[in-house]
C-alpha atoms as a PDB file:
ATOM      1  CA  UNK A   1      24.938  10.444  -1.320  1.00  0.00           C
ATOM      2  CA  UNK A   2      21.428  10.222   0.841  1.00  0.00           C
ATOM      3  CA  UNK A   3      20.246  13.171   2.292  1.00  0.00           C
ATOM      4  CA  UNK A   4      18.599  12.752   5.469  1.00  0.00           C
ATOM      5  CA  UNK A   5      18.002  15.700   7.994  1.00  0.00           C
ATOM      6  CA  UNK A   6      19.496  15.256  11.405  1.00  0.00           C
ATOM      7  CA  UNK A   7      16.647  16.772  12.958  1.00  0.00           C
ATOM      8  CA  UNK A   8      13.909  14.576  11.805  1.00  0.00           C
ATOM      9  CA  UNK A   9      13.137  11.351  13.141  1.00  0.00           C
ATOM     10  CA  UNK A  10      10.832   9.993  10.403  1.00  0.00           C
ATOM     11  CA  UNK A  11       9.880   7.016  11.632  1.00  0.00           C
ATOM     12  CA  UNK A  12       8.255   8.516  15.057  1.00  0.00           C
ATOM     13  CA  UNK A  13       7.496  11.426  12.939  1.00  0.00           C
ATOM     14  CA  UNK A  14       3.738  12.347  14.049  1.00  0.00           C
ATOM     15  CA  UNK A  15       1.752  13.166  10.663  1.00  0.00           C
ATOM     16  CA  UNK A  16      -1.947  14.850  11.303  1.00  0.00           C
ATOM     17  CA  UNK A  17      -4.403  13.385   9.518  1.00  0.00           C
ATOM     18  CA  UNK A  18      -5.911  15.882   6.584  1.00  0.00           C
ATOM     19  CA  UNK A  19      -9.507  14.711   7.190  1.00  0.00           C
ATOM     20  CA  UNK A  20     -10.962  12.622   9.256  1.00  0.00           C
ATOM     21  CA  UNK A  21     -11.765   8.843   8.369  1.00  0.00           C
ATOM     22  CA  UNK A  22     -14.506   7.383   6.266  1.00  0.00           C
ATOM     23  CA  UNK A  23     -15.121   3.399   6.690  1.00  0.00           C
ATOM     24  CA  UNK A  24     -12.972   2.671   3.529  1.00  0.00           C
ATOM     25  CA  UNK A  25      -9.674   1.318   2.913  1.00  0.00           C
ATOM     26  CA  UNK A  26      -7.823   2.229  -0.421  1.00  0.00           C
ATOM     27  CA  UNK A  27      -5.291   0.087  -2.201  1.00  0.00           C
ATOM     28  CA  UNK A  28      -3.080   1.047  -4.860  1.00  0.00           C
ATOM     29  CA  UNK A  29      -2.189  -2.490  -6.473  1.00  0.00           C
ATOM     30  CA  UNK A  30      -0.155  -0.799  -9.514  1.00  0.00           C
ATOM     31  CA  UNK A  31       3.837   0.202  -9.491  1.00  0.00           C
ATOM     32  CA  UNK A  32       5.710   0.794 -12.796  1.00  0.00           C
ATOM     33  CA  UNK A  33       7.929  -1.882 -12.307  1.00  0.00           C
ATOM     34  CA  UNK A  34       7.009  -5.739 -11.815  1.00  0.00           C
ATOM     35  CA  UNK A  35       9.480  -5.684  -8.755  1.00  0.00           C
ATOM     36  CA  UNK A  36       7.132  -3.186  -6.997  1.00  0.00           C
ATOM     37  CA  UNK A  37       3.830  -5.312  -7.606  1.00  0.00           C
ATOM     38  CA  UNK A  38       2.342  -7.454  -4.776  1.00  0.00           C
ATOM     39  CA  UNK A  39       0.469 -10.391  -6.404  1.00  0.00           C
ATOM     40  CA  UNK A  40      -3.046  -9.610  -7.293  1.00  0.00           C
ATOM     41  CA  UNK A  41      -4.426 -12.649  -5.480  1.00  0.00           C
ATOM     42  CA  UNK A  42      -2.795 -11.165  -2.067  1.00  0.00           C
ATOM     43  CA  UNK A  43      -4.373  -7.846  -2.395  1.00  0.00           C
ATOM     44  CA  UNK A  44      -7.826 -10.095  -2.950  1.00  0.00           C
ATOM     45  CA  UNK A  45      -7.306 -11.840   0.122  1.00  0.00           C
ATOM     46  CA  UNK A  46      -6.373  -9.093   2.414  1.00  0.00           C
ATOM     47  CA  UNK A  47      -9.401  -7.145   0.823  1.00  0.00           C
ATOM     48  CA  UNK A  48     -11.543  -9.756   1.875  1.00  0.00           C
ATOM     49  CA  UNK A  49      -9.956 -10.247   5.210  1.00  0.00           C
ATOM     50  CA  UNK A  50     -10.827  -6.601   6.077  1.00  0.00           C
ATOM     51  CA  UNK A  51     -14.313  -6.479   4.919  1.00  0.00           C
ATOM     52  CA  UNK A  52     -15.004 -10.006   6.829  1.00  0.00           C
ATOM     53  CA  UNK A  53     -13.449  -8.284   9.814  1.00  0.00           C
ATOM     54  CA  UNK A  54     -15.851  -5.178   9.594  1.00  0.00           C
ATOM     55  CA  UNK A  55     -12.954  -3.011  10.103  1.00  0.00           C
ATOM     56  CA  UNK A  56     -13.963  -1.377   6.598  1.00  0.00           C
ATOM     57  CA  UNK A  57     -17.003  -1.583   4.746  1.00  0.00           C
ATOM     58  CA  UNK A  58     -15.499  -0.734   1.116  1.00  0.00           C
ATOM     59  CA  UNK A  59     -12.261  -1.418  -0.373  1.00  0.00           C
ATOM     60  CA  UNK A  60     -11.348   1.156  -3.136  1.00  0.00           C
ATOM     61  CA  UNK A  61      -8.707   0.120  -6.011  1.00  0.00           C
ATOM     62  CA  UNK A  62      -7.058   3.210  -7.164  1.00  0.00           C
ATOM     63  CA  UNK A  63      -4.343   3.664  -9.736  1.00  0.00           C
ATOM     64  CA  UNK A  64      -4.160   5.218 -13.221  1.00  0.00           C
ATOM     65  CA  UNK A  65      -5.388   3.510 -16.786  1.00  0.00           C
ATOM     66  CA  UNK A  66      -2.473   0.974 -16.648  1.00  0.00           C
ATOM     67  CA  UNK A  67      -3.588  -0.277 -13.355  1.00  0.00           C
ATOM     68  CA  UNK A  68      -7.123  -0.934 -14.705  1.00  0.00           C
ATOM     69  CA  UNK A  69      -6.570  -4.347 -16.111  1.00  0.00           C
ATOM     70  CA  UNK A  70      -4.292  -5.351 -12.458  1.00  0.00           C
ATOM     71  CA  UNK A  71      -7.891  -4.359 -10.629  1.00  0.00           C
ATOM     72  CA  UNK A  72      -9.773  -5.965 -12.816  1.00  0.00           C
ATOM     73  CA  UNK A  73      -8.057  -9.246 -12.036  1.00  0.00           C
ATOM     74  CA  UNK A  74      -8.227  -8.434  -8.367  1.00  0.00           C
ATOM     75  CA  UNK A  75     -11.841  -7.989  -8.694  1.00  0.00           C
ATOM     76  CA  UNK A  76     -12.255 -11.194 -10.781  1.00  0.00           C
ATOM     77  CA  UNK A  77     -10.955 -12.801  -7.623  1.00  0.00           C
ATOM     78  CA  UNK A  78     -13.368 -11.930  -5.472  1.00  0.00           C
ATOM     79  CA  UNK A  79     -17.022 -11.906  -5.499  1.00  0.00           C
ATOM     80  CA  UNK A  80     -17.650  -9.069  -3.142  1.00  0.00           C
ATOM     81  CA  UNK A  81     -19.195  -6.125  -4.287  1.00  0.00           C
ATOM     82  CA  UNK A  82     -17.494  -3.749  -1.587  1.00  0.00           C
ATOM     83  CA  UNK A  83     -14.112  -3.952  -3.564  1.00  0.00           C
ATOM     84  CA  UNK A  84     -14.553  -1.224  -5.956  1.00  0.00           C
ATOM     85  CA  UNK A  85     -12.321  -0.191  -8.960  1.00  0.00           C
ATOM     86  CA  UNK A  86     -11.375   3.448  -9.136  1.00  0.00           C
ATOM     87  CA  UNK A  87      -8.571   3.382 -11.869  1.00  0.00           C
ATOM     88  CA  UNK A  88      -8.302   5.823 -14.507  1.00  0.00           C
ATOM     89  CA  UNK A  89     -11.535   7.843 -13.132  1.00  0.00           C
ATOM     90  CA  UNK A  90      -9.897  10.156 -11.117  1.00  0.00           C
ATOM     91  CA  UNK A  91      -7.530  13.288 -11.261  1.00  0.00           C
ATOM     92  CA  UNK A  92      -4.509  14.004  -8.647  1.00  0.00           C
ATOM     93  CA  UNK A  93      -6.814  16.049  -6.555  1.00  0.00           C
ATOM     94  CA  UNK A  94      -9.834  13.617  -6.551  1.00  0.00           C
ATOM     95  CA  UNK A  95      -7.126  10.658  -5.409  1.00  0.00           C
ATOM     96  CA  UNK A  96      -5.713  12.996  -2.526  1.00  0.00           C
ATOM     97  CA  UNK A  97      -9.352  13.577  -1.546  1.00  0.00           C
ATOM     98  CA  UNK A  98      -9.963   9.645  -1.360  1.00  0.00           C
ATOM     99  CA  UNK A  99      -6.866   8.825   0.154  1.00  0.00           C
ATOM    100  CA  UNK A 100      -7.004  11.688   3.037  1.00  0.00           C
ATOM    101  CA  UNK A 101     -10.316  10.529   4.440  1.00  0.00           C
ATOM    102  CA  UNK A 102      -9.383   6.470   4.269  1.00  0.00           C
ATOM    103  CA  UNK A 103      -9.302   4.592   7.338  1.00  0.00           C
ATOM    104  CA  UNK A 104      -6.496   2.588   6.493  1.00  0.00           C
ATOM    105  CA  UNK A 105      -4.198   2.689   3.031  1.00  0.00           C
ATOM    106  CA  UNK A 106      -2.411  -0.313   1.774  1.00  0.00           C
ATOM    107  CA  UNK A 107       0.055  -0.438  -1.511  1.00  0.00           C
ATOM    108  CA  UNK A 108       2.879  -1.171  -3.051  1.00  0.00           C
ATOM    109  CA  UNK A 109       6.010   1.253  -3.186  1.00  0.00           C
ATOM    110  CA  UNK A 110       4.513   4.104  -5.588  1.00  0.00           C
ATOM    111  CA  UNK A 111       3.385   7.570  -5.093  1.00  0.00           C
ATOM    112  CA  UNK A 112      -0.106   7.435  -4.075  1.00  0.00           C
ATOM    113  CA  UNK A 113       1.736   5.390  -0.557  1.00  0.00           C
ATOM    114  CA  UNK A 114       3.793   8.721  -0.143  1.00  0.00           C
ATOM    115  CA  UNK A 115       0.512  10.552  -0.332  1.00  0.00           C
ATOM    116  CA  UNK A 116      -1.085   8.349   2.335  1.00  0.00           C
ATOM    117  CA  UNK A 117       1.493   8.760   4.558  1.00  0.00           C
ATOM    118  CA  UNK A 118       1.822  12.630   4.491  1.00  0.00           C
ATOM    119  CA  UNK A 119      -2.126  13.047   4.602  1.00  0.00           C
ATOM    120  CA  UNK A 120      -1.828  10.955   8.393  1.00  0.00           C
ATOM    121  CA  UNK A 121      -3.367   7.638   7.144  1.00  0.00           C
ATOM    122  CA  UNK A 122      -2.389   4.597   8.686  1.00  0.00           C
ATOM    123  CA  UNK A 123      -0.373   3.401   5.701  1.00  0.00           C
ATOM    124  CA  UNK A 124       0.896  -0.265   4.781  1.00  0.00           C
ATOM    125  CA  UNK A 125       3.770   0.113   2.499  1.00  0.00           C
ATOM    126  CA  UNK A 126       4.442  -3.130   0.452  1.00  0.00           C
ATOM    127  CA  UNK A 127       8.098  -2.513  -0.699  1.00  0.00           C
ATOM    128  CA  UNK A 128      10.124  -5.031  -3.347  1.00  0.00           C
ATOM    129  CA  UNK A 129      13.660  -4.273  -3.956  1.00  0.00           C
ATOM    130  CA  UNK A 130      13.735  -1.077  -2.567  1.00  0.00           C
ATOM    131  CA  UNK A 131      15.311  -0.172   0.951  1.00  0.00           C
ATOM    132  CA  UNK A 132      12.840   1.195   3.246  1.00  0.00           C
ATOM    133  CA  UNK A 133      15.204   4.177   4.341  1.00  0.00           C
ATOM    134  CA  UNK A 134      14.873   5.357   1.157  1.00  0.00           C
ATOM    135  CA  UNK A 135      11.561   4.570  -0.211  1.00  0.00           C
ATOM    136  CA  UNK A 136       9.416   3.479   3.208  1.00  0.00           C
ATOM    137  CA  UNK A 137       6.472   5.405   3.779  1.00  0.00           C
ATOM    138  CA  UNK A 138       6.709   8.287   6.754  1.00  0.00           C
ATOM    139  CA  UNK A 139       5.112   8.940  10.078  1.00  0.00           C
ATOM    140  CA  UNK A 140       4.591   6.993  13.024  1.00  0.00           C
ATOM    141  CA  UNK A 141       0.835   5.945  11.807  1.00  0.00           C
ATOM    142  CA  UNK A 142       2.960   3.859   8.853  1.00  0.00           C
ATOM    143  CA  UNK A 143       4.699   0.617   8.413  1.00  0.00           C
ATOM    144  CA  UNK A 144       5.932  -1.232   5.867  1.00  0.00           C
ATOM    145  CA  UNK A 145       6.829  -5.053   5.047  1.00  0.00           C
ATOM    146  CA  UNK A 146      10.069  -5.547   3.074  1.00  0.00           C
ATOM    147  CA  UNK A 147      12.372  -8.784   2.639  1.00  0.00           C
ATOM    148  CA  UNK A 148      16.019  -7.959   2.239  1.00  0.00           C
ATOM    149  CA  UNK A 149      17.970 -10.265  -0.329  1.00  0.00           C
ATOM    150  CA  UNK A 150      21.669 -10.118  -1.158  1.00  0.00           C
ATOM    151  CA  UNK A 151      20.362  -8.645  -4.743  1.00  0.00           C
ATOM    152  CA  UNK A 152      18.452  -5.505  -2.773  1.00  0.00           C
ATOM    153  CA  UNK A 153      18.048  -2.270  -4.298  1.00  0.00           C
ATOM    154  CA  UNK A 154      18.338  -3.472  -7.772  1.00  0.00           C
ATOM    155  CA  UNK A 155      17.088  -1.761 -10.685  1.00  0.00           C
ATOM    156  CA  UNK A 156      13.705  -3.492 -10.662  1.00  0.00           C
ATOM    157  CA  UNK A 157      13.360  -3.979 -14.377  1.00  0.00           C
ATOM    158  CA  UNK A 158      14.116  -7.411 -14.683  1.00  0.00           C
ATOM    159  CA  UNK A 159      15.023  -9.927 -12.054  1.00  0.00           C
ATOM    160  CA  UNK A 160      16.960 -13.401 -12.430  1.00  0.00           C
ATOM    161  CA  UNK A 161      14.881 -14.488  -8.984  1.00  0.00           C
ATOM    162  CA  UNK A 162      11.767 -14.048  -9.925  1.00  0.00           C
ATOM    163  CA  UNK A 163      10.983 -10.645  -7.822  1.00  0.00           C
ATOM    164  CA  UNK A 164      11.541 -12.878  -4.675  1.00  0.00           C
ATOM    165  CA  UNK A 165      11.816  -9.575  -2.485  1.00  0.00           C
ATOM    166  CA  UNK A 166       7.898  -8.390  -3.231  1.00  0.00           C
ATOM    167  CA  UNK A 167       6.822 -12.016  -3.238  1.00  0.00           C
ATOM    168  CA  UNK A 168       8.347 -13.119  -0.066  1.00  0.00           C
ATOM    169  CA  UNK A 169       5.480 -10.377   1.560  1.00  0.00           C
ATOM    170  CA  UNK A 170       2.803 -13.111   2.849  1.00  0.00           C
ATOM    171  CA  UNK A 171      -0.831 -12.036   3.674  1.00  0.00           C
ATOM    172  CA  UNK A 172      -0.494 -13.551   6.701  1.00  0.00           C
ATOM    173  CA  UNK A 173       2.150 -11.010   7.819  1.00  0.00           C
ATOM    174  CA  UNK A 174       0.056  -8.261   6.412  1.00  0.00           C
ATOM    175  CA  UNK A 175      -2.656  -9.178   8.430  1.00  0.00           C
ATOM    176  CA  UNK A 176      -0.496  -9.717  11.856  1.00  0.00           C
ATOM    177  CA  UNK A 177       1.219  -5.973  10.753  1.00  0.00           C
ATOM    178  CA  UNK A 178      -2.485  -4.471  10.247  1.00  0.00           C
ATOM    179  CA  UNK A 179      -3.864  -5.927  13.723  1.00  0.00           C
ATOM    180  CA  UNK A 180      -0.836  -4.452  15.223  1.00  0.00           C
ATOM    181  CA  UNK A 181      -1.349  -1.071  13.429  1.00  0.00           C
ATOM    182  CA  UNK A 182      -5.104  -0.963  14.125  1.00  0.00           C
ATOM    183  CA  UNK A 183      -5.250  -2.615  17.424  1.00  0.00           C
ATOM    184  CA  UNK A 184      -7.587  -5.535  15.898  1.00  0.00           C
ATOM    185  CA  UNK A 185      -7.715  -8.481  18.078  1.00  0.00           C
END
């Protein structure tokens, strides 16, 4: 049984920022299961779009040691020196500080996504098989992208459909959502 507080409107919840925003975005590109990982090329295209739009001047890629390989591939797809890999180089408190001061956070369904949302940072969650009402980021400053399929809510450890739920999210719809979130023309 899912517990939902009858007094808490999580989608319209106002969450104050923990810190003033710096001129950077934070991306968490990894996730424990492949069904939760958006394509690396998509993260690269989105980072380059944010940098080219001058909305931010730096994109930090975060994660643990296991995410280093993912972030290395993302950086290899781009020539931009403004995409900086921090995976495996920060403890939890340092990660919280970096995330809390971000102008924007984008990431897969994972712990850092929830940290960003609860720190009041505008958060775009990229959700694979988990339903947004269970795993989506909280707060009025947050959005998510999710495509429901008949198999949604699976165990994420294997997929007969090539992880179509997370792969259905396009860079174009992420850009549209970010424009809505940030007020960019």
